[in-house]
N, C-alpha and C. Protein backbone atom coordinates (compact mmCIF):
# COMPACT_ATOMS: atom_id res chain seq x y z
N MET A 1 0.75 -1.08 -0.07
CA MET A 1 -0.03 0.02 0.00
C MET A 1 0.97 1.19 -0.07
N SER A 2 0.49 2.20 -0.96
CA SER A 2 1.31 3.36 -0.90
C SER A 2 0.52 4.57 -0.16
N ASP A 3 1.22 5.33 0.22
CA ASP A 3 0.59 6.58 0.97
C ASP A 3 -0.21 7.56 -0.16
N THR A 4 -1.31 7.85 0.20
CA THR A 4 -2.18 8.86 -0.76
C THR A 4 -1.93 10.17 -0.39
N ASN A 5 -1.22 10.43 0.71
CA ASN A 5 -0.97 11.87 1.26
C ASN A 5 0.36 12.57 0.64
N GLU A 6 0.60 11.97 -0.55
CA GLU A 6 1.86 12.59 -1.27
C GLU A 6 1.50 14.08 -1.54
N ALA A 7 2.52 14.85 -1.46
CA ALA A 7 2.39 16.36 -1.75
C ALA A 7 2.08 16.49 -3.42
N ALA A 8 1.19 17.30 -3.48
CA ALA A 8 0.82 17.65 -5.02
C ALA A 8 2.22 18.44 -5.59
N PRO A 9 2.49 18.18 -6.88
CA PRO A 9 3.56 18.88 -7.40
C PRO A 9 3.28 20.43 -7.49
N ALA A 10 4.17 21.32 -7.02
CA ALA A 10 3.92 22.69 -6.97
C ALA A 10 3.63 23.32 -8.37
N GLN A 11 2.67 24.15 -8.48
CA GLN A 11 2.24 24.63 -9.73
C GLN A 11 3.11 25.85 -9.84
N PRO A 12 3.62 26.03 -11.07
CA PRO A 12 4.45 27.26 -11.37
C PRO A 12 3.81 28.53 -11.19
N GLN A 13 4.26 29.46 -10.43
CA GLN A 13 3.51 30.70 -10.13
C GLN A 13 3.41 31.53 -11.42
N GLN A 14 2.30 32.10 -11.70
CA GLN A 14 2.12 32.85 -12.71
C GLN A 14 2.54 34.32 -12.51
N PRO A 15 3.22 34.98 -13.59
CA PRO A 15 3.88 36.28 -13.27
C PRO A 15 2.50 37.13 -12.95
N ALA A 16 2.73 38.12 -12.02
CA ALA A 16 1.86 39.01 -11.53
C ALA A 16 1.63 40.14 -12.80
N GLU A 17 0.22 40.27 -12.98
CA GLU A 17 -0.10 41.35 -14.10
C GLU A 17 0.43 42.65 -13.78
N GLU A 18 0.99 43.03 -14.80
CA GLU A 18 1.41 44.47 -14.69
C GLU A 18 0.47 45.50 -14.62
N PRO A 19 0.73 46.34 -13.73
CA PRO A 19 -0.49 47.35 -13.43
C PRO A 19 -0.67 48.19 -14.77
N GLN A 20 -1.96 48.56 -15.04
CA GLN A 20 -2.09 49.48 -16.15
C GLN A 20 -1.59 50.92 -15.80
N PRO A 21 -1.03 51.49 -16.90
CA PRO A 21 -0.57 53.04 -16.58
C PRO A 21 -1.76 53.80 -16.29
N LEU A 22 -1.41 54.74 -15.30
CA LEU A 22 -2.55 55.63 -14.90
C LEU A 22 -2.79 56.90 -15.79
N VAL A 23 -3.93 56.92 -16.38
CA VAL A 23 -3.95 58.07 -17.28
C VAL A 23 -4.77 59.16 -16.57
N ILE A 24 -4.22 60.31 -16.52
CA ILE A 24 -4.67 61.50 -16.09
C ILE A 24 -5.08 62.55 -17.11
N PRO A 25 -6.47 62.64 -17.20
CA PRO A 25 -6.85 63.69 -18.39
C PRO A 25 -6.28 65.10 -17.96
N ASP A 26 -6.08 65.84 -18.93
CA ASP A 26 -5.74 67.28 -18.88
C ASP A 26 -6.75 68.00 -18.01
N VAL A 27 -7.93 67.90 -18.43
CA VAL A 27 -9.06 68.70 -17.81
C VAL A 27 -10.01 67.64 -17.15
N ILE A 28 -10.47 68.05 -15.93
CA ILE A 28 -11.35 67.26 -15.17
C ILE A 28 -12.71 67.73 -15.32
N GLU A 29 -13.66 66.89 -15.82
CA GLU A 29 -14.97 67.52 -15.99
C GLU A 29 -15.55 67.82 -14.70
N ARG A 30 -16.15 69.02 -14.60
CA ARG A 30 -16.90 69.42 -13.41
C ARG A 30 -18.26 68.95 -13.54
N LEU A 31 -18.81 68.70 -12.17
CA LEU A 31 -20.15 68.31 -12.06
C LEU A 31 -21.03 69.52 -12.13
N PRO A 32 -22.24 69.42 -12.87
CA PRO A 32 -23.24 70.47 -12.92
C PRO A 32 -23.70 70.92 -11.52
N LYS A 33 -23.88 72.01 -11.43
CA LYS A 33 -24.51 72.48 -10.02
C LYS A 33 -25.81 72.15 -9.71
N PRO A 34 -26.07 71.69 -8.59
CA PRO A 34 -27.56 71.03 -8.26
C PRO A 34 -28.48 72.44 -8.49
N ASP A 35 -29.79 71.85 -8.72
CA ASP A 35 -30.67 72.81 -8.96
C ASP A 35 -31.36 73.28 -7.56
N LYS A 36 -31.05 74.59 -7.11
CA LYS A 36 -31.30 74.95 -5.81
C LYS A 36 -32.92 74.84 -5.64
N ALA A 37 -33.70 75.27 -6.57
CA ALA A 37 -35.13 75.30 -6.51
C ALA A 37 -35.75 74.08 -6.20
N ALA A 38 -35.30 73.09 -7.06
CA ALA A 38 -35.64 71.70 -6.88
C ALA A 38 -35.37 71.09 -5.45
N HIS A 39 -34.23 71.41 -5.15
CA HIS A 39 -33.68 71.03 -3.63
C HIS A 39 -34.58 71.68 -2.65
N ASP A 40 -34.84 72.86 -2.75
CA ASP A 40 -35.64 73.74 -1.76
C ASP A 40 -37.00 73.14 -1.75
N ALA A 41 -37.53 72.92 -2.94
CA ALA A 41 -39.05 72.16 -2.90
C ALA A 41 -39.05 70.88 -2.35
N GLU A 42 -37.88 70.09 -2.46
CA GLU A 42 -37.90 68.77 -1.79
C GLU A 42 -37.85 68.82 -0.27
N LEU A 43 -37.11 69.81 0.09
CA LEU A 43 -36.87 70.13 1.55
C LEU A 43 -38.15 70.65 2.09
N ALA A 44 -38.91 71.47 1.52
CA ALA A 44 -40.25 71.95 2.01
C ALA A 44 -41.28 70.75 1.98
N GLN A 45 -41.22 69.82 1.07
CA GLN A 45 -42.03 68.81 0.96
C GLN A 45 -41.82 67.69 2.27
N LEU A 46 -40.47 67.59 2.47
CA LEU A 46 -40.12 66.76 3.59
C LEU A 46 -40.46 67.54 4.90
N ASP A 47 -40.20 68.65 5.01
CA ASP A 47 -40.44 69.29 6.29
C ASP A 47 -41.99 69.32 6.57
N ALA A 48 -42.91 69.59 5.46
CA ALA A 48 -44.35 69.44 5.72
C ALA A 48 -44.79 68.09 6.22
N ALA A 49 -43.97 66.88 5.48
CA ALA A 49 -44.34 65.63 6.04
C ALA A 49 -44.03 65.42 7.51
N ILE A 50 -42.73 65.96 7.88
CA ILE A 50 -42.39 65.83 9.17
C ILE A 50 -43.38 66.59 10.23
N LYS A 51 -43.74 67.76 9.79
CA LYS A 51 -44.75 68.47 10.72
C LYS A 51 -46.02 67.86 10.94
N THR A 52 -46.44 67.00 9.76
CA THR A 52 -47.81 66.35 9.85
C THR A 52 -47.53 65.19 10.82
N LEU A 53 -46.42 64.57 10.77
CA LEU A 53 -46.19 63.40 11.50
C LEU A 53 -46.00 63.69 12.94
N GLN A 54 -45.34 64.89 13.17
CA GLN A 54 -45.14 65.42 14.58
C GLN A 54 -46.68 65.76 15.20
N THR A 55 -47.45 66.36 14.53
CA THR A 55 -48.95 66.81 14.87
C THR A 55 -49.40 65.49 15.39
N ARG A 56 -49.66 64.49 14.45
CA ARG A 56 -50.17 63.26 14.73
C ARG A 56 -49.55 62.54 15.98
N SER A 57 -48.45 62.54 16.18
CA SER A 57 -47.80 62.05 17.33
C SER A 57 -48.11 62.74 18.58
N THR A 58 -48.20 64.05 18.57
CA THR A 58 -48.61 64.85 19.55
C THR A 58 -50.14 64.59 20.02
N GLU A 59 -51.08 64.23 18.91
CA GLU A 59 -52.42 64.05 19.24
C GLU A 59 -52.40 62.47 19.85
N ILE A 60 -51.70 61.67 19.39
CA ILE A 60 -51.71 60.40 19.90
C ILE A 60 -51.29 60.39 21.44
N ARG A 61 -50.11 61.09 21.73
CA ARG A 61 -49.69 61.32 23.00
C ARG A 61 -50.70 61.88 23.85
N ALA A 62 -51.48 62.78 23.43
CA ALA A 62 -52.46 63.54 24.29
C ALA A 62 -53.59 62.40 24.43
N GLU A 63 -54.07 61.68 23.57
CA GLU A 63 -55.04 60.59 23.69
C GLU A 63 -54.76 59.58 24.72
N LEU A 64 -53.33 59.20 24.63
CA LEU A 64 -52.88 58.23 25.76
C LEU A 64 -52.79 58.70 27.14
N ASP A 65 -52.35 60.16 27.15
CA ASP A 65 -52.34 60.61 28.38
C ASP A 65 -53.82 60.89 29.06
N ALA A 66 -54.71 61.20 28.27
CA ALA A 66 -55.99 61.24 28.68
C ALA A 66 -56.68 59.85 29.11
N ILE A 67 -56.32 58.85 28.38
CA ILE A 67 -56.64 57.54 28.92
C ILE A 67 -56.06 56.99 30.17
N LYS A 68 -54.82 57.23 30.31
CA LYS A 68 -54.04 57.16 31.56
C LYS A 68 -54.51 57.82 32.76
N GLY A 69 -54.87 59.12 32.51
CA GLY A 69 -55.35 59.99 33.50
C GLY A 69 -56.94 59.47 33.87
N GLY A 70 -57.67 59.03 33.06
CA GLY A 70 -59.16 58.73 33.14
C GLY A 70 -59.22 57.43 33.93
N ARG A 71 -58.14 56.64 34.08
CA ARG A 71 -58.15 55.42 34.78
C ARG A 71 -58.39 55.55 36.23
N GLY A 72 -57.68 56.72 36.70
CA GLY A 72 -57.85 56.89 38.17
C GLY A 72 -58.92 57.90 38.59
N GLY A 73 -59.57 58.34 37.61
CA GLY A 73 -60.74 59.34 37.98
C GLY A 73 -61.94 58.61 38.49
N TYR A 74 -62.17 57.41 38.43
CA TYR A 74 -63.35 56.73 38.91
C TYR A 74 -63.02 55.99 40.40
N GLY A 75 -61.85 56.16 40.86
CA GLY A 75 -61.43 55.58 42.15
C GLY A 75 -62.34 56.26 43.28
N GLU A 76 -62.43 57.47 43.37
CA GLU A 76 -63.10 58.07 44.55
C GLU A 76 -64.74 57.65 44.38
N GLN A 77 -65.18 57.56 43.13
CA GLN A 77 -66.67 57.27 43.10
C GLN A 77 -66.88 55.73 43.64
N ILE A 78 -65.93 54.91 43.24
CA ILE A 78 -65.91 53.59 43.54
C ILE A 78 -65.91 53.36 45.14
N GLN A 79 -65.02 54.09 45.70
CA GLN A 79 -64.80 54.09 47.12
C GLN A 79 -66.08 54.55 47.83
N ALA A 80 -66.72 55.63 47.35
CA ALA A 80 -67.89 56.18 47.96
C ALA A 80 -69.09 54.90 47.85
N ALA A 81 -69.18 54.44 46.48
CA ALA A 81 -70.10 53.40 46.33
C ALA A 81 -70.03 52.14 47.43
N LYS A 82 -68.90 51.75 47.57
CA LYS A 82 -68.44 50.70 48.40
C LYS A 82 -68.89 51.14 49.78
N ALA A 83 -68.70 52.39 50.23
CA ALA A 83 -68.89 52.80 51.65
C ALA A 83 -70.38 52.84 51.84
N VAL A 84 -71.25 53.11 50.75
CA VAL A 84 -72.85 53.23 50.88
C VAL A 84 -73.21 51.78 50.82
N TYR A 85 -72.84 50.96 49.93
CA TYR A 85 -73.49 49.71 49.70
C TYR A 85 -72.67 48.53 50.37
N GLY A 86 -71.52 48.74 50.89
CA GLY A 86 -70.65 47.67 51.27
C GLY A 86 -70.70 47.38 52.82
């Protein structure tokens, strides 16, 4: 029986690829200026959406606070009824 763990023959290394020469253009193209009016319109739209959501959040908080506060409002009435009928 022969060993099957024999080392595989080393593969010859491939030469490293030569890097491509870096080409630098004489004039670099400038990006066009962004449209300020379109940007401002988009900001106004986002601000309006944020204000709407903040208003809704405030309304929900007020409703939750009213529900929380309303739970304890009947405590005195219940105690009075227990005193009368209990």
